[in-house]
Each structure stands twice: as C-alpha cells, then as structure tokens.
Amino acid sequence: MKKTNKNANMGMVMGMCFGVSIGTSLGSTFDNMAIGTSLGLCIGMAIGIVLGSQKDKEVNKQLEEVGYKIKDINRNEQKDEYIITMVNKMGEESVVIVPKGQMEEEKFEIDDIVFLDDDGLIEQAYDKDDE
C-alpha cells in the first residue's frame, strides 16, 4: 500500500512560514535581517518536516493495520452534514458523520483512502487516483 507524506509536506510549509516570521523578528533584534530570516526559514522548515514526518508514521501505521476506504457517502440535508460509510481491511463497516465544511475542504469520494485522526474525525490520506 502506498504511504502518505501529506503531513510532512504541510509541516514543511507551515514551519517555513513560522520560521521566516520568527527569524525576521530575531534578525531585526540583532540588526541583521538577512541572516535572521535565512536561519529562521531553515530551522522552521526542519522542525516542520520532523513533526510532520512523525504524524505520517502514525497515519501510515494505521493505514497498514486497519486501512479504511470510503464505501458510501450520503448527504443529510436537514442537518447539513454527510454520513460516510467506511470499510476496513477486515470488511468491518464504520459510519462517520462529516460536517459540510470539512466535506467541501477534503472533497471525499467513494474509494478514497482515509484515516481517523486523534479526535476520531476522518482525514484523507490520499485519493483513489493516487494509488
């Protein structure tokens, strides 16, 4: 099964953003913006990749052990949410309720590979076209 690196990529981007802002602040404090910004960018990127990679390891472990795949998606018009039925590797079905906002952001489709995050909500590991 394919491994995801979604969190490492996102961690790198977020780390770069925070690193530049912190590095710029330190650079202005020490009167050397170029070095402060450059160091902040590098350090932020490294920290972001490390933290994101740790999350990816957890996600990939869950995908190997359980491996959720979306089987069915139904919209509940009255509550403005979606009812998603997923099936794991053992054939056991689970139902998760997804708010409309998350559904529009993640764009879940049938046969997408998903995982459960720490809050018990589903997130997309990768879509069916990435397999």
N, C-alpha and C. Protein backbone atom coordinates (compact mmCIF):
# COMPACT_ATOMS: atom_id res chain seq x y z
N MET A 1 0.84 -1.19 0.00
CA MET A 1 0.00 0.00 0.00
C MET A 1 0.88 1.24 0.00
N LYS A 2 0.45 2.23 -0.72
CA LYS A 2 1.19 3.49 -0.82
C LYS A 2 1.23 4.19 0.54
N LYS A 3 2.33 4.86 0.81
CA LYS A 3 2.48 5.61 2.06
C LYS A 3 2.21 7.09 1.80
N THR A 4 1.62 7.73 2.78
CA THR A 4 1.32 9.15 2.65
C THR A 4 2.44 10.00 3.23
N ASN A 5 2.66 11.15 2.64
CA ASN A 5 3.62 12.11 3.19
C ASN A 5 2.97 13.49 3.25
N LYS A 6 1.66 13.48 3.31
CA LYS A 6 0.87 14.72 3.33
C LYS A 6 1.24 15.63 4.51
N ASN A 7 1.43 15.05 5.67
CA ASN A 7 1.72 15.85 6.86
C ASN A 7 3.14 16.42 6.85
N ALA A 8 4.10 15.68 6.31
CA ALA A 8 5.47 16.19 6.22
C ALA A 8 5.52 17.39 5.28
N ASN A 9 4.81 17.30 4.18
CA ASN A 9 4.77 18.43 3.24
C ASN A 9 4.12 19.66 3.89
N MET A 10 3.00 19.44 4.55
CA MET A 10 2.30 20.54 5.20
C MET A 10 3.13 21.10 6.35
N GLY A 11 3.80 20.23 7.09
CA GLY A 11 4.66 20.67 8.19
C GLY A 11 5.81 21.52 7.69
N MET A 12 6.37 21.14 6.55
CA MET A 12 7.47 21.92 5.99
C MET A 12 7.00 23.32 5.63
N VAL A 13 5.86 23.42 4.98
CA VAL A 13 5.32 24.72 4.58
C VAL A 13 5.00 25.58 5.80
N MET A 14 4.32 24.99 6.78
CA MET A 14 3.98 25.75 7.99
C MET A 14 5.23 26.16 8.75
N GLY A 15 6.21 25.25 8.84
CA GLY A 15 7.45 25.57 9.53
C GLY A 15 8.20 26.71 8.85
N MET A 16 8.18 26.72 7.52
CA MET A 16 8.83 27.81 6.80
C MET A 16 8.16 29.14 7.10
N CYS A 17 6.83 29.15 7.12
CA CYS A 17 6.10 30.39 7.40
C CYS A 17 6.42 30.93 8.80
N PHE A 18 6.32 30.05 9.79
CA PHE A 18 6.61 30.48 11.15
C PHE A 18 8.10 30.82 11.31
N GLY A 19 8.96 30.04 10.68
CA GLY A 19 10.39 30.28 10.77
C GLY A 19 10.80 31.63 10.21
N VAL A 20 10.22 32.00 9.07
CA VAL A 20 10.54 33.30 8.48
C VAL A 20 10.11 34.43 9.40
N SER A 21 8.91 34.31 9.95
CA SER A 21 8.43 35.40 10.83
C SER A 21 9.27 35.50 12.10
N ILE A 22 9.61 34.39 12.69
CA ILE A 22 10.44 34.42 13.90
C ILE A 22 11.86 34.87 13.55
N GLY A 23 12.39 34.37 12.45
CA GLY A 23 13.73 34.76 12.02
C GLY A 23 13.82 36.24 11.70
N THR A 24 12.78 36.80 11.10
CA THR A 24 12.76 38.23 10.80
C THR A 24 12.76 39.04 12.09
N SER A 25 11.99 38.58 13.07
CA SER A 25 11.98 39.27 14.37
C SER A 25 13.35 39.24 15.02
N LEU A 26 13.97 38.06 15.01
CA LEU A 26 15.31 37.94 15.60
C LEU A 26 16.33 38.74 14.80
N GLY A 27 16.19 38.74 13.49
CA GLY A 27 17.10 39.49 12.64
C GLY A 27 17.04 40.98 12.90
N SER A 28 15.83 41.49 13.11
CA SER A 28 15.72 42.93 13.41
C SER A 28 16.26 43.24 14.81
N THR A 29 16.13 42.30 15.73
CA THR A 29 16.66 42.50 17.08
C THR A 29 18.19 42.58 17.06
N PHE A 30 18.81 41.69 16.26
CA PHE A 30 20.27 41.65 16.20
C PHE A 30 20.83 42.47 15.04
N ASP A 31 19.97 43.23 14.39
CA ASP A 31 20.37 44.15 13.32
C ASP A 31 21.01 43.43 12.12
N ASN A 32 20.48 42.22 11.81
CA ASN A 32 20.95 41.50 10.63
C ASN A 32 19.77 40.69 10.08
N MET A 33 18.94 41.34 9.28
CA MET A 33 17.71 40.72 8.76
C MET A 33 17.99 39.52 7.86
N ALA A 34 19.01 39.61 7.04
CA ALA A 34 19.29 38.54 6.07
C ALA A 34 19.61 37.22 6.77
N ILE A 35 20.49 37.28 7.73
CA ILE A 35 20.86 36.05 8.44
C ILE A 35 19.70 35.55 9.30
N GLY A 36 19.00 36.45 9.98
CA GLY A 36 17.87 36.05 10.82
C GLY A 36 16.78 35.38 10.02
N THR A 37 16.42 35.96 8.88
CA THR A 37 15.38 35.39 8.03
C THR A 37 15.81 34.04 7.46
N SER A 38 17.04 33.96 7.00
CA SER A 38 17.55 32.70 6.42
C SER A 38 17.60 31.59 7.45
N LEU A 39 18.13 31.89 8.62
CA LEU A 39 18.18 30.87 9.68
C LEU A 39 16.79 30.47 10.13
N GLY A 40 15.90 31.44 10.27
CA GLY A 40 14.53 31.13 10.67
C GLY A 40 13.85 30.23 9.67
N LEU A 41 14.05 30.49 8.38
CA LEU A 41 13.47 29.67 7.32
C LEU A 41 13.98 28.24 7.41
N CYS A 42 15.29 28.07 7.53
CA CYS A 42 15.88 26.73 7.58
C CYS A 42 15.47 25.96 8.82
N ILE A 43 15.54 26.61 9.96
CA ILE A 43 15.19 25.94 11.21
C ILE A 43 13.70 25.59 11.24
N GLY A 44 12.86 26.53 10.81
CA GLY A 44 11.42 26.27 10.77
C GLY A 44 11.06 25.12 9.84
N MET A 45 11.72 25.09 8.66
CA MET A 45 11.46 24.02 7.70
C MET A 45 11.87 22.67 8.29
N ALA A 46 13.02 22.61 8.93
CA ALA A 46 13.49 21.35 9.53
C ALA A 46 12.55 20.87 10.63
N ILE A 47 12.15 21.77 11.50
CA ILE A 47 11.23 21.39 12.58
C ILE A 47 9.90 20.92 12.01
N GLY A 48 9.39 21.63 11.00
CA GLY A 48 8.12 21.25 10.38
C GLY A 48 8.17 19.88 9.73
N ILE A 49 9.27 19.58 9.04
CA ILE A 49 9.41 18.26 8.40
C ILE A 49 9.46 17.16 9.45
N VAL A 50 10.21 17.38 10.54
CA VAL A 50 10.32 16.36 11.58
C VAL A 50 8.96 16.09 12.21
N LEU A 51 8.24 17.14 12.59
CA LEU A 51 6.92 16.95 13.22
C LEU A 51 5.92 16.32 12.25
N GLY A 52 5.94 16.75 11.00
CA GLY A 52 5.04 16.19 10.00
C GLY A 52 5.34 14.73 9.71
N SER A 53 6.62 14.39 9.68
CA SER A 53 7.02 13.00 9.42
C SER A 53 6.58 12.07 10.54
N GLN A 54 6.64 12.57 11.78
CA GLN A 54 6.16 11.76 12.90
C GLN A 54 4.67 11.46 12.76
N LYS A 55 3.90 12.47 12.36
CA LYS A 55 2.46 12.27 12.16
C LYS A 55 2.23 11.30 11.00
N ASP A 56 3.02 11.42 9.93
CA ASP A 56 2.89 10.50 8.79
C ASP A 56 3.17 9.05 9.19
N LYS A 57 4.12 8.85 10.10
CA LYS A 57 4.41 7.49 10.57
C LYS A 57 3.18 6.90 11.27
N GLU A 58 2.52 7.70 12.09
CA GLU A 58 1.32 7.24 12.79
C GLU A 58 0.20 6.91 11.78
N VAL A 59 0.04 7.80 10.80
CA VAL A 59 -1.01 7.60 9.79
C VAL A 59 -0.72 6.35 8.97
N ASN A 60 0.52 6.18 8.52
CA ASN A 60 0.87 5.02 7.72
C ASN A 60 0.73 3.72 8.50
N LYS A 61 1.02 3.76 9.80
CA LYS A 61 0.83 2.58 10.64
C LYS A 61 -0.65 2.21 10.70
N GLN A 62 -1.50 3.23 10.86
CA GLN A 62 -2.95 2.98 10.89
C GLN A 62 -3.43 2.45 9.54
N LEU A 63 -2.90 2.99 8.46
CA LEU A 63 -3.31 2.52 7.13
C LEU A 63 -2.91 1.07 6.91
N GLU A 64 -1.72 0.68 7.39
CA GLU A 64 -1.27 -0.70 7.24
C GLU A 64 -2.10 -1.66 8.08
N GLU A 65 -2.41 -1.26 9.32
CA GLU A 65 -3.12 -2.14 10.23
C GLU A 65 -4.61 -2.22 9.92
N VAL A 66 -5.24 -1.07 9.68
CA VAL A 66 -6.69 -1.03 9.53
C VAL A 66 -7.10 -0.76 8.08
N GLY A 67 -6.57 0.29 7.49
CA GLY A 67 -6.81 0.60 6.08
C GLY A 67 -8.25 0.94 5.73
N TYR A 68 -8.73 2.09 6.15
CA TYR A 68 -10.10 2.50 5.86
C TYR A 68 -10.24 2.98 4.41
N LYS A 69 -11.33 2.59 3.79
CA LYS A 69 -11.67 3.03 2.45
C LYS A 69 -13.14 3.45 2.45
N ILE A 70 -13.44 4.57 1.80
CA ILE A 70 -14.83 5.06 1.77
C ILE A 70 -15.67 4.17 0.87
N LYS A 71 -16.77 3.68 1.42
CA LYS A 71 -17.66 2.79 0.68
C LYS A 71 -18.89 3.54 0.15
N ASP A 72 -19.41 4.48 0.96
CA ASP A 72 -20.64 5.16 0.57
C ASP A 72 -20.69 6.54 1.21
N ILE A 73 -21.29 7.49 0.50
CA ILE A 73 -21.46 8.85 1.02
C ILE A 73 -22.91 9.27 0.81
N ASN A 74 -23.56 9.65 1.90
CA ASN A 74 -24.94 10.14 1.83
C ASN A 74 -25.02 11.51 2.49
N ARG A 75 -25.81 12.39 1.89
CA ARG A 75 -25.95 13.74 2.45
C ARG A 75 -27.22 13.82 3.27
N ASN A 76 -27.10 14.36 4.48
CA ASN A 76 -28.24 14.63 5.35
C ASN A 76 -28.58 16.11 5.18
N GLU A 77 -29.57 16.39 4.36
CA GLU A 77 -29.93 17.78 4.02
C GLU A 77 -30.40 18.57 5.24
N GLN A 78 -31.13 17.91 6.14
CA GLN A 78 -31.70 18.62 7.29
C GLN A 78 -30.64 19.14 8.24
N LYS A 79 -29.58 18.37 8.46
CA LYS A 79 -28.54 18.77 9.41
C LYS A 79 -27.31 19.34 8.71
N ASP A 80 -27.34 19.42 7.38
CA ASP A 80 -26.23 19.98 6.60
C ASP A 80 -24.92 19.25 6.91
N GLU A 81 -24.97 17.90 6.82
CA GLU A 81 -23.80 17.08 7.07
C GLU A 81 -23.82 15.86 6.15
N TYR A 82 -22.76 15.13 6.15
CA TYR A 82 -22.64 13.95 5.31
C TYR A 82 -22.42 12.72 6.20
N ILE A 83 -23.03 11.62 5.80
CA ILE A 83 -22.86 10.36 6.51
C ILE A 83 -21.99 9.48 5.61
N ILE A 84 -20.80 9.19 6.10
CA ILE A 84 -19.84 8.42 5.31
C ILE A 84 -19.68 7.03 5.91
N THR A 85 -19.85 6.03 5.07
CA THR A 85 -19.65 4.64 5.47
C THR A 85 -18.27 4.22 4.97
N MET A 86 -17.44 3.73 5.89
CA MET A 86 -16.11 3.27 5.52
C MET A 86 -15.99 1.79 5.85
N VAL A 87 -15.12 1.13 5.15
CA VAL A 87 -14.87 -0.28 5.39
C VAL A 87 -13.36 -0.45 5.59
N ASN A 88 -12.99 -1.29 6.57
CA ASN A 88 -11.57 -1.53 6.81
C ASN A 88 -11.12 -2.80 6.11
N LYS A 89 -9.86 -3.16 6.31
CA LYS A 89 -9.29 -4.33 5.63
C LYS A 89 -10.01 -5.63 5.98
N MET A 90 -10.57 -5.69 7.19
CA MET A 90 -11.24 -6.90 7.63
C MET A 90 -12.69 -6.96 7.15
N GLY A 91 -13.14 -5.94 6.44
CA GLY A 91 -14.51 -5.90 5.94
C GLY A 91 -15.51 -5.32 6.91
N GLU A 92 -15.05 -4.80 8.04
CA GLU A 92 -15.95 -4.21 9.02
C GLU A 92 -16.30 -2.79 8.61
N GLU A 93 -17.57 -2.46 8.71
CA GLU A 93 -18.03 -1.13 8.32
C GLU A 93 -18.13 -0.20 9.52
N SER A 94 -17.81 1.06 9.30
CA SER A 94 -17.95 2.11 10.30
C SER A 94 -18.64 3.29 9.65
N VAL A 95 -19.43 4.02 10.45
CA VAL A 95 -20.11 5.20 9.95
C VAL A 95 -19.59 6.42 10.67
N VAL A 96 -19.27 7.46 9.91
CA VAL A 96 -18.76 8.70 10.45
C VAL A 96 -19.59 9.84 9.89
N ILE A 97 -19.91 10.80 10.74
CA ILE A 97 -20.64 11.99 10.30
C ILE A 97 -19.64 13.11 10.07
N VAL A 98 -19.70 13.70 8.88
CA VAL A 98 -18.76 14.74 8.49
C VAL A 98 -19.52 16.03 8.23
N PRO A 99 -19.12 17.13 8.88
CA PRO A 99 -19.77 18.42 8.62
C PRO A 99 -19.56 18.86 7.17
N LYS A 100 -20.47 19.68 6.69
CA LYS A 100 -20.43 20.15 5.30
C LYS A 100 -19.11 20.86 4.99
N GLY A 101 -18.62 21.68 5.91
CA GLY A 101 -17.38 22.42 5.69
C GLY A 101 -16.19 21.51 5.46
N GLN A 102 -16.08 20.46 6.27
CA GLN A 102 -14.97 19.52 6.11
C GLN A 102 -15.11 18.75 4.80
N MET A 103 -16.34 18.41 4.44
CA MET A 103 -16.57 17.68 3.20
C MET A 103 -16.14 18.53 2.00
N GLU A 104 -16.45 19.83 2.03
CA GLU A 104 -16.06 20.70 0.93
C GLU A 104 -14.55 20.89 0.88
N GLU A 105 -13.91 20.88 2.05
CA GLU A 105 -12.46 21.07 2.10
C GLU A 105 -11.72 19.82 1.64
N GLU A 106 -12.09 18.67 2.15
CA GLU A 106 -11.40 17.42 1.85
C GLU A 106 -11.84 16.80 0.51
N LYS A 107 -13.07 17.08 0.09
CA LYS A 107 -13.62 16.54 -1.17
C LYS A 107 -13.54 15.01 -1.19
N PHE A 108 -14.10 14.38 -0.15
CA PHE A 108 -14.12 12.93 -0.07
C PHE A 108 -14.91 12.35 -1.23
N GLU A 109 -14.45 11.23 -1.75
CA GLU A 109 -15.15 10.48 -2.79
C GLU A 109 -15.11 9.01 -2.42
N ILE A 110 -16.00 8.25 -3.03
CA ILE A 110 -16.02 6.81 -2.81
C ILE A 110 -14.70 6.22 -3.29
N ASP A 111 -14.15 5.28 -2.53
CA ASP A 111 -12.88 4.59 -2.75
C ASP A 111 -11.65 5.38 -2.31
N ASP A 112 -11.82 6.56 -1.73
CA ASP A 112 -10.68 7.29 -1.17
C ASP A 112 -10.17 6.56 0.06
N ILE A 113 -8.87 6.61 0.29
CA ILE A 113 -8.26 6.01 1.47
C ILE A 113 -8.21 7.09 2.55
N VAL A 114 -8.77 6.78 3.72
CA VAL A 114 -8.86 7.76 4.80
C VAL A 114 -8.30 7.15 6.09
N PHE A 115 -8.10 8.01 7.08
CA PHE A 115 -7.66 7.55 8.39
C PHE A 115 -8.40 8.35 9.45
N LEU A 116 -8.42 7.83 10.66
CA LEU A 116 -9.05 8.52 11.78
C LEU A 116 -7.97 9.29 12.53
N ASP A 117 -8.20 10.59 12.73
CA ASP A 117 -7.23 11.40 13.47
C ASP A 117 -7.46 11.24 14.97
N ASP A 118 -6.73 12.00 15.75
CA ASP A 118 -6.80 11.88 17.20
C ASP A 118 -8.18 12.21 17.77
N ASP A 119 -8.94 13.04 17.06
CA ASP A 119 -10.28 13.43 17.51
C ASP A 119 -11.37 12.47 17.06
N GLY A 120 -11.01 11.44 16.28
CA GLY A 120 -11.99 10.49 15.77
C GLY A 120 -12.65 10.95 14.48
N LEU A 121 -12.16 12.04 13.90
CA LEU A 121 -12.67 12.51 12.62
C LEU A 121 -11.83 11.90 11.50
N ILE A 122 -12.43 11.79 10.32
CA ILE A 122 -11.65 11.21 9.23
C ILE A 122 -10.92 12.30 8.46
N GLU A 123 -9.78 11.93 7.93
CA GLU A 123 -8.98 12.79 7.07
C GLU A 123 -8.52 11.94 5.89
N GLN A 124 -8.34 12.61 4.78
CA GLN A 124 -7.94 11.90 3.57
C GLN A 124 -6.44 11.64 3.58
N ALA A 125 -6.05 10.38 3.44
CA ALA A 125 -4.63 10.04 3.34
C ALA A 125 -4.18 10.31 1.90
N TYR A 126 -4.92 9.79 0.96
CA TYR A 126 -4.74 10.05 -0.45
C TYR A 126 -6.00 9.58 -1.15
N ASP A 127 -6.24 10.11 -2.35
CA ASP A 127 -7.47 9.72 -3.04
C ASP A 127 -7.23 8.53 -3.95
N LYS A 128 -8.31 8.01 -4.51
CA LYS A 128 -8.22 6.78 -5.30
C LYS A 128 -7.32 6.93 -6.51
N ASP A 129 -7.15 8.13 -7.03
CA ASP A 129 -6.30 8.35 -8.20
C ASP A 129 -4.82 8.28 -7.87
N ASP A 130 -4.47 8.42 -6.58
CA ASP A 130 -3.06 8.40 -6.16
C ASP A 130 -2.52 7.01 -5.93
N GLU A 131 -3.37 5.99 -5.95
CA GLU A 131 -2.91 4.62 -5.63
C GLU A 131 -1.96 4.08 -6.64
